[in-house]
Amino acid sequence: MAGTDTNYPLLMLTLASVKENMGTSPVVLSTGDLLGHNIPQLFYTAYYGTSQYGTPDATATAAMEQFVSA
């Protein structure tokens, strides 16, 4: 479901399949949205050291954008 994390059984099935097929494929391709779940809010909370940060300033926004694109 969009906007929710993968449930544990599905994640374990996926990882078991990857392990089972190791050596038969040169890569593992993950198409999930690894940074899609509240990353800006979590980043700013860590950046400012508090969840009470108000509107992020330009420096914090640039730092978050650099983190996401790195």
PDB file of N, CA and C in Angstrom:
ATOM      1  N   MET A   1       0.848  -1.175   0.000  1.00  0.00           N
ATOM      2  CA  MET A   1       0.000   0.000   0.000  1.00  0.00           C
ATOM      3  C   MET A   1       0.896   1.242   0.000  1.00  0.00           C
ATOM      4  N   ALA A   2       0.552   2.211  -0.792  1.00  0.00           N
ATOM      5  CA  ALA A   2       1.346   3.437  -0.909  1.00  0.00           C
ATOM      6  C   ALA A   2       1.414   4.165   0.426  1.00  0.00           C
ATOM      7  N   GLY A   3       2.598   4.662   0.751  1.00  0.00           N
ATOM      8  CA  GLY A   3       2.781   5.446   1.964  1.00  0.00           C
ATOM      9  C   GLY A   3       3.012   4.635   3.217  1.00  0.00           C
ATOM     10  N   THR A   4       3.103   3.307   3.084  1.00  0.00           N
ATOM     11  CA  THR A   4       3.360   2.469   4.250  1.00  0.00           C
ATOM     12  C   THR A   4       4.610   1.639   4.013  1.00  0.00           C
ATOM     13  N   ASP A   5       5.194   1.179   5.087  1.00  0.00           N
ATOM     14  CA  ASP A   5       6.381   0.339   4.993  1.00  0.00           C
ATOM     15  C   ASP A   5       5.999  -1.084   4.615  1.00  0.00           C
ATOM     16  N   THR A   6       6.946  -1.818   4.063  1.00  0.00           N
ATOM     17  CA  THR A   6       6.748  -3.230   3.762  1.00  0.00           C
ATOM     18  C   THR A   6       6.528  -3.978   5.064  1.00  0.00           C
ATOM     19  N   ASN A   7       5.578  -4.901   5.069  1.00  0.00           N
ATOM     20  CA  ASN A   7       5.376  -5.683   6.285  1.00  0.00           C
ATOM     21  C   ASN A   7       6.516  -6.687   6.449  1.00  0.00           C
ATOM     22  N   TYR A   8       6.705  -7.147   7.668  1.00  0.00           N
ATOM     23  CA  TYR A   8       7.839  -8.008   7.994  1.00  0.00           C
ATOM     24  C   TYR A   8       7.844  -9.315   7.196  1.00  0.00           C
ATOM     25  N   PRO A   9       6.716 -10.039   7.097  1.00  0.00           N
ATOM     26  CA  PRO A   9       6.745 -11.293   6.327  1.00  0.00           C
ATOM     27  C   PRO A   9       7.149 -11.090   4.863  1.00  0.00           C
ATOM     28  N   LEU A  10       6.656 -10.033   4.234  1.00  0.00           N
ATOM     29  CA  LEU A  10       7.022  -9.776   2.844  1.00  0.00           C
ATOM     30  C   LEU A  10       8.502  -9.426   2.724  1.00  0.00           C
ATOM     31  N   LEU A  11       9.024  -8.643   3.655  1.00  0.00           N
ATOM     32  CA  LEU A  11      10.450  -8.310   3.638  1.00  0.00           C
ATOM     33  C   LEU A  11      11.293  -9.568   3.791  1.00  0.00           C
ATOM     34  N   MET A  12      10.927 -10.451   4.720  1.00  0.00           N
ATOM     35  CA  MET A  12      11.685 -11.689   4.927  1.00  0.00           C
ATOM     36  C   MET A  12      11.628 -12.588   3.688  1.00  0.00           C
ATOM     37  N   LEU A  13      10.474 -12.669   3.035  1.00  0.00           N
ATOM     38  CA  LEU A  13      10.348 -13.451   1.813  1.00  0.00           C
ATOM     39  C   LEU A  13      11.238 -12.880   0.707  1.00  0.00           C
ATOM     40  N   THR A  14      11.262 -11.567   0.601  1.00  0.00           N
ATOM     41  CA  THR A  14      12.102 -10.910  -0.404  1.00  0.00           C
ATOM     42  C   THR A  14      13.577 -11.193  -0.151  1.00  0.00           C
ATOM     43  N   LEU A  15      14.009 -11.028   1.094  1.00  0.00           N
ATOM     44  CA  LEU A  15      15.419 -11.260   1.423  1.00  0.00           C
ATOM     45  C   LEU A  15      15.805 -12.727   1.249  1.00  0.00           C
ATOM     46  N   ALA A  16      14.895 -13.638   1.590  1.00  0.00           N
ATOM     47  CA  ALA A  16      15.167 -15.063   1.396  1.00  0.00           C
ATOM     48  C   ALA A  16      15.329 -15.377  -0.091  1.00  0.00           C
ATOM     49  N   SER A  17      14.512 -14.758  -0.923  1.00  0.00           N
ATOM     50  CA  SER A  17      14.616 -14.975  -2.369  1.00  0.00           C
ATOM     51  C   SER A  17      15.930 -14.436  -2.911  1.00  0.00           C
ATOM     52  N   VAL A  18      16.337 -13.273  -2.425  1.00  0.00           N
ATOM     53  CA  VAL A  18      17.622 -12.705  -2.853  1.00  0.00           C
ATOM     54  C   VAL A  18      18.747 -13.657  -2.466  1.00  0.00           C
ATOM     55  N   LYS A  19      18.720 -14.155  -1.227  1.00  0.00           N
ATOM     56  CA  LYS A  19      19.767 -15.066  -0.762  1.00  0.00           C
ATOM     57  C   LYS A  19      19.768 -16.360  -1.572  1.00  0.00           C
ATOM     58  N   GLU A  20      18.574 -16.894  -1.847  1.00  0.00           N
ATOM     59  CA  GLU A  20      18.446 -18.140  -2.602  1.00  0.00           C
ATOM     60  C   GLU A  20      19.012 -18.004  -4.009  1.00  0.00           C
ATOM     61  N   ASN A  21      18.888 -16.839  -4.596  1.00  0.00           N
ATOM     62  CA  ASN A  21      19.316 -16.630  -5.980  1.00  0.00           C
ATOM     63  C   ASN A  21      20.682 -15.974  -6.110  1.00  0.00           C
ATOM     64  N   MET A  22      21.396 -15.834  -4.995  1.00  0.00           N
ATOM     65  CA  MET A  22      22.741 -15.266  -5.067  1.00  0.00           C
ATOM     66  C   MET A  22      23.605 -16.145  -5.963  1.00  0.00           C
ATOM     67  N   GLY A  23      24.361 -15.517  -6.801  1.00  0.00           N
ATOM     68  CA  GLY A  23      25.229 -16.241  -7.707  1.00  0.00           C
ATOM     69  C   GLY A  23      24.597 -16.469  -9.069  1.00  0.00           C
ATOM     70  N   THR A  24      23.269 -16.380  -9.148  1.00  0.00           N
ATOM     71  CA  THR A  24      22.622 -16.564 -10.446  1.00  0.00           C
ATOM     72  C   THR A  24      22.372 -15.233 -11.133  1.00  0.00           C
ATOM     73  N   SER A  25      22.543 -14.151 -10.400  1.00  0.00           N
ATOM     74  CA  SER A  25      22.334 -12.825 -10.966  1.00  0.00           C
ATOM     75  C   SER A  25      23.461 -11.911 -10.484  1.00  0.00           C
ATOM     76  N   PRO A  26      23.976 -11.061 -11.365  1.00  0.00           N
ATOM     77  CA  PRO A  26      25.081 -10.191 -10.963  1.00  0.00           C
ATOM     78  C   PRO A  26      24.654  -8.993 -10.112  1.00  0.00           C
ATOM     79  N   VAL A  27      23.356  -8.688 -10.042  1.00  0.00           N
ATOM     80  CA  VAL A  27      22.907  -7.519  -9.285  1.00  0.00           C
ATOM     81  C   VAL A  27      21.578  -7.816  -8.598  1.00  0.00           C
ATOM     82  N   VAL A  28      21.285  -6.992  -7.592  1.00  0.00           N
ATOM     83  CA  VAL A  28      19.961  -6.966  -6.973  1.00  0.00           C
ATOM     84  C   VAL A  28      19.436  -5.555  -7.188  1.00  0.00           C
ATOM     85  N   LEU A  29      18.272  -5.431  -7.772  1.00  0.00           N
ATOM     86  CA  LEU A  29      17.690  -4.130  -8.073  1.00  0.00           C
ATOM     87  C   LEU A  29      16.523  -3.876  -7.127  1.00  0.00           C
ATOM     88  N   SER A  30      16.638  -2.848  -6.330  1.00  0.00           N
ATOM     89  CA  SER A  30      15.561  -2.454  -5.424  1.00  0.00           C
ATOM     90  C   SER A  30      14.914  -1.196  -5.989  1.00  0.00           C
ATOM     91  N   THR A  31      13.618  -1.271  -6.266  1.00  0.00           N
ATOM     92  CA  THR A  31      12.931  -0.122  -6.849  1.00  0.00           C
ATOM     93  C   THR A  31      12.052   0.586  -5.827  1.00  0.00           C
ATOM     94  N   GLY A  32      12.246   0.270  -4.554  1.00  0.00           N
ATOM     95  CA  GLY A  32      11.439   0.890  -3.502  1.00  0.00           C
ATOM     96  C   GLY A  32      11.841   2.322  -3.241  1.00  0.00           C
ATOM     97  N   ASP A  33      10.964   3.048  -2.579  1.00  0.00           N
ATOM     98  CA  ASP A  33      11.241   4.444  -2.229  1.00  0.00           C
ATOM     99  C   ASP A  33      11.896   4.490  -0.852  1.00  0.00           C
ATOM    100  N   LEU A  34      13.190   4.232  -0.830  1.00  0.00           N
ATOM    101  CA  LEU A  34      13.920   4.133   0.431  1.00  0.00           C
ATOM    102  C   LEU A  34      13.921   5.422   1.228  1.00  0.00           C
ATOM    103  N   LEU A  35      13.778   6.544   0.555  1.00  0.00           N
ATOM    104  CA  LEU A  35      13.769   7.826   1.254  1.00  0.00           C
ATOM    105  C   LEU A  35      12.377   8.450   1.281  1.00  0.00           C
ATOM    106  N   GLY A  36      11.350   7.671   1.121  1.00  0.00           N
ATOM    107  CA  GLY A  36      10.013   8.220   0.992  1.00  0.00           C
ATOM    108  C   GLY A  36       9.222   8.407   2.268  1.00  0.00           C
ATOM    109  N   HIS A  37       9.708   7.932   3.378  1.00  0.00           N
ATOM    110  CA  HIS A  37       8.912   7.921   4.595  1.00  0.00           C
ATOM    111  C   HIS A  37       9.381   8.977   5.609  1.00  0.00           C
ATOM    112  N   ASN A  38       8.850  10.177   5.463  1.00  0.00           N
ATOM    113  CA  ASN A  38       9.100  11.289   6.396  1.00  0.00           C
ATOM    114  C   ASN A  38      10.568  11.699   6.492  1.00  0.00           C
ATOM    115  N   ILE A  39      11.330  11.512   5.433  1.00  0.00           N
ATOM    116  CA  ILE A  39      12.745  11.865   5.479  1.00  0.00           C
ATOM    117  C   ILE A  39      12.972  13.345   5.795  1.00  0.00           C
ATOM    118  N   PRO A  40      12.268  14.293   5.163  1.00  0.00           N
ATOM    119  CA  PRO A  40      12.533  15.688   5.528  1.00  0.00           C
ATOM    120  C   PRO A  40      12.308  15.957   7.024  1.00  0.00           C
ATOM    121  N   GLN A  41      11.203  15.478   7.572  1.00  0.00           N
ATOM    122  CA  GLN A  41      10.932  15.715   8.991  1.00  0.00           C
ATOM    123  C   GLN A  41      11.992  15.046   9.876  1.00  0.00           C
ATOM    124  N   LEU A  42      12.353  13.811   9.557  1.00  0.00           N
ATOM    125  CA  LEU A  42      13.372  13.113  10.347  1.00  0.00           C
ATOM    126  C   LEU A  42      14.730  13.797  10.224  1.00  0.00           C
ATOM    127  N   PHE A  43      15.068  14.237   9.004  1.00  0.00           N
ATOM    128  CA  PHE A  43      16.349  14.911   8.807  1.00  0.00           C
ATOM    129  C   PHE A  43      16.411  16.209   9.608  1.00  0.00           C
ATOM    130  N   TYR A  44      15.356  17.024   9.489  1.00  0.00           N
ATOM    131  CA  TYR A  44      15.374  18.305  10.198  1.00  0.00           C
ATOM    132  C   TYR A  44      15.387  18.109  11.710  1.00  0.00           C
ATOM    133  N   THR A  45      14.702  17.092  12.198  1.00  0.00           N
ATOM    134  CA  THR A  45      14.729  16.817  13.636  1.00  0.00           C
ATOM    135  C   THR A  45      16.150  16.478  14.075  1.00  0.00           C
ATOM    136  N   ALA A  46      16.848  15.661  13.283  1.00  0.00           N
ATOM    137  CA  ALA A  46      18.237  15.323  13.606  1.00  0.00           C
ATOM    138  C   ALA A  46      19.158  16.531  13.423  1.00  0.00           C
ATOM    139  N   TYR A  47      18.923  17.312  12.355  1.00  0.00           N
ATOM    140  CA  TYR A  47      19.764  18.477  12.048  1.00  0.00           C
ATOM    141  C   TYR A  47      19.693  19.512  13.155  1.00  0.00           C
ATOM    142  N   TYR A  48      18.472  19.814  13.611  1.00  0.00           N
ATOM    143  CA  TYR A  48      18.292  20.828  14.645  1.00  0.00           C
ATOM    144  C   TYR A  48      18.393  20.266  16.053  1.00  0.00           C
ATOM    145  N   GLY A  49      18.357  18.939  16.189  1.00  0.00           N
ATOM    146  CA  GLY A  49      18.441  18.324  17.511  1.00  0.00           C
ATOM    147  C   GLY A  49      17.158  18.420  18.307  1.00  0.00           C
ATOM    148  N   THR A  50      16.066  18.744  17.640  1.00  0.00           N
ATOM    149  CA  THR A  50      14.769  18.857  18.300  1.00  0.00           C
ATOM    150  C   THR A  50      13.664  18.738  17.265  1.00  0.00           C
ATOM    151  N   SER A  51      12.491  18.308  17.705  1.00  0.00           N
ATOM    152  CA  SER A  51      11.359  18.245  16.781  1.00  0.00           C
ATOM    153  C   SER A  51      10.621  19.579  16.728  1.00  0.00           C
ATOM    154  N   GLN A  52      11.048  20.545  17.542  1.00  0.00           N
ATOM    155  CA  GLN A  52      10.422  21.869  17.590  1.00  0.00           C
ATOM    156  C   GLN A  52      11.284  22.881  16.840  1.00  0.00           C
ATOM    157  N   TYR A  53      11.433  22.684  15.518  1.00  0.00           N
ATOM    158  CA  TYR A  53      12.357  23.522  14.762  1.00  0.00           C
ATOM    159  C   TYR A  53      11.690  24.592  13.917  1.00  0.00           C
ATOM    160  N   GLY A  54      10.370  24.575  13.756  1.00  0.00           N
ATOM    161  CA  GLY A  54       9.707  25.576  12.933  1.00  0.00           C
ATOM    162  C   GLY A  54      10.000  25.377  11.462  1.00  0.00           C
ATOM    163  N   THR A  55      10.076  26.466  10.715  1.00  0.00           N
ATOM    164  CA  THR A  55      10.357  26.392   9.278  1.00  0.00           C
ATOM    165  C   THR A  55      11.859  26.261   9.062  1.00  0.00           C
ATOM    166  N   PRO A  56      12.299  25.225   8.338  1.00  0.00           N
ATOM    167  CA  PRO A  56      13.734  25.050   8.100  1.00  0.00           C
ATOM    168  C   PRO A  56      14.324  26.226   7.340  1.00  0.00           C
ATOM    169  N   ASP A  57      15.549  26.609   7.707  1.00  0.00           N
ATOM    170  CA  ASP A  57      16.220  27.697   7.003  1.00  0.00           C
ATOM    171  C   ASP A  57      16.906  27.162   5.742  1.00  0.00           C
ATOM    172  N   ALA A  58      17.449  28.059   4.949  1.00  0.00           N
ATOM    173  CA  ALA A  58      18.056  27.688   3.669  1.00  0.00           C
ATOM    174  C   ALA A  58      19.235  26.742   3.846  1.00  0.00           C
ATOM    175  N   THR A  59      20.013  26.919   4.902  1.00  0.00           N
ATOM    176  CA  THR A  59      21.170  26.050   5.145  1.00  0.00           C
ATOM    177  C   THR A  59      20.727  24.627   5.447  1.00  0.00           C
ATOM    178  N   ALA A  60      19.701  24.492   6.288  1.00  0.00           N
ATOM    179  CA  ALA A  60      19.184  23.163   6.617  1.00  0.00           C
ATOM    180  C   ALA A  60      18.565  22.497   5.392  1.00  0.00           C
ATOM    181  N   THR A  61      17.851  23.264   4.592  1.00  0.00           N
ATOM    182  CA  THR A  61      17.237  22.716   3.381  1.00  0.00           C
ATOM    183  C   THR A  61      18.299  22.230   2.405  1.00  0.00           C
ATOM    184  N   ALA A  62      19.372  22.999   2.239  1.00  0.00           N
ATOM    185  CA  ALA A  62      20.471  22.603   1.355  1.00  0.00           C
ATOM    186  C   ALA A  62      21.150  21.341   1.881  1.00  0.00           C
ATOM    187  N   ALA A  63      21.332  21.242   3.188  1.00  0.00           N
ATOM    188  CA  ALA A  63      21.948  20.055   3.795  1.00  0.00           C
ATOM    189  C   ALA A  63      21.071  18.828   3.564  1.00  0.00           C
ATOM    190  N   MET A  64      19.751  18.974   3.715  1.00  0.00           N
ATOM    191  CA  MET A  64      18.848  17.855   3.495  1.00  0.00           C
ATOM    192  C   MET A  64      18.872  17.422   2.035  1.00  0.00           C
ATOM    193  N   GLU A  65      18.864  18.360   1.108  1.00  0.00           N
ATOM    194  CA  GLU A  65      18.900  18.036  -0.313  1.00  0.00           C
ATOM    195  C   GLU A  65      20.208  17.331  -0.686  1.00  0.00           C
ATOM    196  N   GLN A  66      21.309  17.766  -0.073  1.00  0.00           N
ATOM    197  CA  GLN A  66      22.602  17.114  -0.322  1.00  0.00           C
ATOM    198  C   GLN A  66      22.593  15.695   0.229  1.00  0.00           C
ATOM    199  N   PHE A  67      22.013  15.512   1.407  1.00  0.00           N
ATOM    200  CA  PHE A  67      21.929  14.179   2.005  1.00  0.00           C
ATOM    201  C   PHE A  67      21.122  13.236   1.112  1.00  0.00           C
ATOM    202  N   VAL A  68      20.003  13.697   0.609  1.00  0.00           N
ATOM    203  CA  VAL A  68      19.120  12.854  -0.207  1.00  0.00           C
ATOM    204  C   VAL A  68      19.773  12.497  -1.537  1.00  0.00           C
ATOM    205  N   SER A  69      20.513  13.424  -2.118  1.00  0.00           N
ATOM    206  CA  SER A  69      21.104  13.170  -3.441  1.00  0.00           C
ATOM    207  C   SER A  69      22.443  12.465  -3.371  1.00  0.00           C
ATOM    208  N   ALA A  70      23.019  12.335  -2.202  1.00  0.00           N
ATOM    209  CA  ALA A  70      24.350  11.685  -2.076  1.00  0.00           C
ATOM    210  C   ALA A  70      24.263  10.190  -2.154  1.00  0.00           C
TER     211      ALA A  70
END
